[in-house]
């Protein structure tokens, strides 16, 4: 199966560069930049300045994953139990009869 990785051009710190990302990561990055009220270029420049190793494309993927995990964790903390059952799952909690 062919991967849907696309090469995209972006200006980072005044220099044109390209990153290879799947649509899901690119869309996620754009959504995050809107949420943070910053430009895509500024967000990628920040990611680039903070990466310790690896290439920029990998650093962006890790950033988007980290943001998604943080959002999931935040959502879970707002629910009563912090967990929700998968769709279609049945409650198997034993019922105590008196």
C-alpha atoms as a PDB file:
ATOM      1  CA  UNK A   1       0.000   0.000   0.000  1.00  0.00           C
ATOM      2  CA  UNK A   2       1.386   3.384  -0.994  1.00  0.00           C
ATOM      3  CA  UNK A   3       1.839   5.955   1.764  1.00  0.00           C
ATOM      4  CA  UNK A   4       0.064   9.300   1.420  1.00  0.00           C
ATOM      5  CA  UNK A   5       3.172  11.288   2.330  1.00  0.00           C
ATOM      6  CA  UNK A   6       3.360  14.595   0.485  1.00  0.00           C
ATOM      7  CA  UNK A   7       6.258  17.011   0.277  1.00  0.00           C
ATOM      8  CA  UNK A   8       5.185  20.499   1.326  1.00  0.00           C
ATOM      9  CA  UNK A   9       7.107  23.757   1.108  1.00  0.00           C
ATOM     10  CA  UNK A  10       7.180  26.197   4.014  1.00  0.00           C
ATOM     11  CA  UNK A  11       9.219  29.227   4.997  1.00  0.00           C
ATOM     12  CA  UNK A  12      10.957  28.733   8.342  1.00  0.00           C
ATOM     13  CA  UNK A  13      12.901  31.616   9.859  1.00  0.00           C
ATOM     14  CA  UNK A  14      13.083  33.312   6.464  1.00  0.00           C
ATOM     15  CA  UNK A  15      14.328  30.225   4.615  1.00  0.00           C
ATOM     16  CA  UNK A  16      12.243  28.072   2.307  1.00  0.00           C
ATOM     17  CA  UNK A  17      12.358  24.396   3.242  1.00  0.00           C
ATOM     18  CA  UNK A  18      10.246  21.342   2.623  1.00  0.00           C
ATOM     19  CA  UNK A  19       8.779  18.693   4.885  1.00  0.00           C
ATOM     20  CA  UNK A  20       7.272  15.336   3.995  1.00  0.00           C
ATOM     21  CA  UNK A  21       4.076  14.755   5.940  1.00  0.00           C
ATOM     22  CA  UNK A  22       0.895  12.743   5.709  1.00  0.00           C
ATOM     23  CA  UNK A  23      -2.334  14.735   5.318  1.00  0.00           C
ATOM     24  CA  UNK A  24      -3.434  13.911   8.881  1.00  0.00           C
ATOM     25  CA  UNK A  25      -0.281  15.438  10.381  1.00  0.00           C
ATOM     26  CA  UNK A  26      -0.416  18.479   8.086  1.00  0.00           C
ATOM     27  CA  UNK A  27      -4.081  19.093   8.948  1.00  0.00           C
ATOM     28  CA  UNK A  28      -3.346  18.591  12.631  1.00  0.00           C
ATOM     29  CA  UNK A  29      -0.476  21.062  12.502  1.00  0.00           C
ATOM     30  CA  UNK A  30      -2.666  23.675  10.803  1.00  0.00           C
ATOM     31  CA  UNK A  31      -5.418  23.176  13.402  1.00  0.00           C
ATOM     32  CA  UNK A  32      -2.916  23.530  16.251  1.00  0.00           C
ATOM     33  CA  UNK A  33      -1.504  26.745  14.780  1.00  0.00           C
ATOM     34  CA  UNK A  34      -5.045  28.183  14.561  1.00  0.00           C
ATOM     35  CA  UNK A  35      -5.730  27.194  18.173  1.00  0.00           C
ATOM     36  CA  UNK A  36      -2.491  28.864  19.284  1.00  0.00           C
ATOM     37  CA  UNK A  37      -3.264  31.885  17.090  1.00  0.00           C
ATOM     38  CA  UNK A  38       0.079  31.725  15.324  1.00  0.00           C
ATOM     39  CA  UNK A  39       1.174  31.269  11.753  1.00  0.00           C
ATOM     40  CA  UNK A  40       2.148  27.880  10.436  1.00  0.00           C
ATOM     41  CA  UNK A  41       5.620  29.219   9.638  1.00  0.00           C
ATOM     42  CA  UNK A  42       6.134  30.517  13.178  1.00  0.00           C
ATOM     43  CA  UNK A  43       4.920  27.251  14.685  1.00  0.00           C
ATOM     44  CA  UNK A  44       7.248  25.185  12.504  1.00  0.00           C
ATOM     45  CA  UNK A  45      10.131  27.540  13.326  1.00  0.00           C
ATOM     46  CA  UNK A  46       9.439  26.968  17.028  1.00  0.00           C
ATOM     47  CA  UNK A  47       9.321  23.180  16.537  1.00  0.00           C
ATOM     48  CA  UNK A  48      12.561  23.380  14.539  1.00  0.00           C
ATOM     49  CA  UNK A  49      14.338  25.396  17.237  1.00  0.00           C
ATOM     50  CA  UNK A  50      13.328  22.947  19.970  1.00  0.00           C
ATOM     51  CA  UNK A  51      14.113  19.642  18.255  1.00  0.00           C
ATOM     52  CA  UNK A  52      17.079  17.807  19.671  1.00  0.00           C
ATOM     53  CA  UNK A  53      17.586  15.191  16.972  1.00  0.00           C
ATOM     54  CA  UNK A  54      15.962  13.787  13.866  1.00  0.00           C
ATOM     55  CA  UNK A  55      14.667  15.638  10.871  1.00  0.00           C
ATOM     56  CA  UNK A  56      12.064  18.390  10.813  1.00  0.00           C
ATOM     57  CA  UNK A  57       9.315  16.165   9.410  1.00  0.00           C
ATOM     58  CA  UNK A  58       9.734  13.723  12.298  1.00  0.00           C
ATOM     59  CA  UNK A  59       9.813  16.572  14.814  1.00  0.00           C
ATOM     60  CA  UNK A  60       6.512  17.894  13.432  1.00  0.00           C
ATOM     61  CA  UNK A  61       4.904  14.444  13.663  1.00  0.00           C
ATOM     62  CA  UNK A  62       6.040  14.101  17.279  1.00  0.00           C
ATOM     63  CA  UNK A  63       4.750  17.592  18.090  1.00  0.00           C
ATOM     64  CA  UNK A  64       1.317  16.879  16.607  1.00  0.00           C
ATOM     65  CA  UNK A  65       1.180  13.540  18.459  1.00  0.00           C
ATOM     66  CA  UNK A  66       2.149  15.232  21.732  1.00  0.00           C
ATOM     67  CA  UNK A  67      -0.548  17.876  21.260  1.00  0.00           C
ATOM     68  CA  UNK A  68      -3.169  15.198  20.500  1.00  0.00           C
ATOM     69  CA  UNK A  69      -2.181  13.251  23.617  1.00  0.00           C
ATOM     70  CA  UNK A  70      -2.349  16.404  25.733  1.00  0.00           C
ATOM     71  CA  UNK A  71      -5.807  17.195  24.372  1.00  0.00           C
ATOM     72  CA  UNK A  72      -7.006  13.645  25.067  1.00  0.00           C
ATOM     73  CA  UNK A  73      -5.610  13.823  28.586  1.00  0.00           C
ATOM     74  CA  UNK A  74      -7.291  17.161  29.171  1.00  0.00           C
ATOM     75  CA  UNK A  75     -10.606  15.803  27.890  1.00  0.00           C
ATOM     76  CA  UNK A  76     -10.280  12.737  30.096  1.00  0.00           C
ATOM     77  CA  UNK A  77      -9.627  14.898  33.163  1.00  0.00           C
ATOM     78  CA  UNK A  78     -12.909  16.712  32.547  1.00  0.00           C
ATOM     79  CA  UNK A  79     -14.973  13.532  32.655  1.00  0.00           C
ATOM     80  CA  UNK A  80     -16.030  11.854  35.890  1.00  0.00           C
ATOM     81  CA  UNK A  81     -13.862   8.778  35.609  1.00  0.00           C
ATOM     82  CA  UNK A  82     -11.306   9.993  33.133  1.00  0.00           C
ATOM     83  CA  UNK A  83     -12.086   7.030  30.904  1.00  0.00           C
ATOM     84  CA  UNK A  84     -14.822   6.266  28.476  1.00  0.00           C
ATOM     85  CA  UNK A  85     -15.803   2.862  27.207  1.00  0.00           C
ATOM     86  CA  UNK A  86     -15.121   2.097  23.568  1.00  0.00           C
ATOM     87  CA  UNK A  87     -18.134   2.470  21.305  1.00  0.00           C
ATOM     88  CA  UNK A  88     -20.284  -0.641  21.510  1.00  0.00           C
ATOM     89  CA  UNK A  89     -18.675  -1.881  24.726  1.00  0.00           C
ATOM     90  CA  UNK A  90     -20.949  -3.316  27.362  1.00  0.00           C
ATOM     91  CA  UNK A  91     -20.710  -2.580  31.064  1.00  0.00           C
ATOM     92  CA  UNK A  92     -19.425  -5.713  32.793  1.00  0.00           C
ATOM     93  CA  UNK A  93     -19.403  -4.281  36.313  1.00  0.00           C
ATOM     94  CA  UNK A  94     -20.830  -6.916  38.686  1.00  0.00           C
ATOM     95  CA  UNK A  95     -24.158  -5.948  40.215  1.00  0.00           C
ATOM     96  CA  UNK A  96     -24.470  -6.652  43.907  1.00  0.00           C
ATOM     97  CA  UNK A  97     -27.884  -7.955  44.828  1.00  0.00           C
ATOM     98  CA  UNK A  98     -29.220  -7.514  48.359  1.00  0.00           C
END
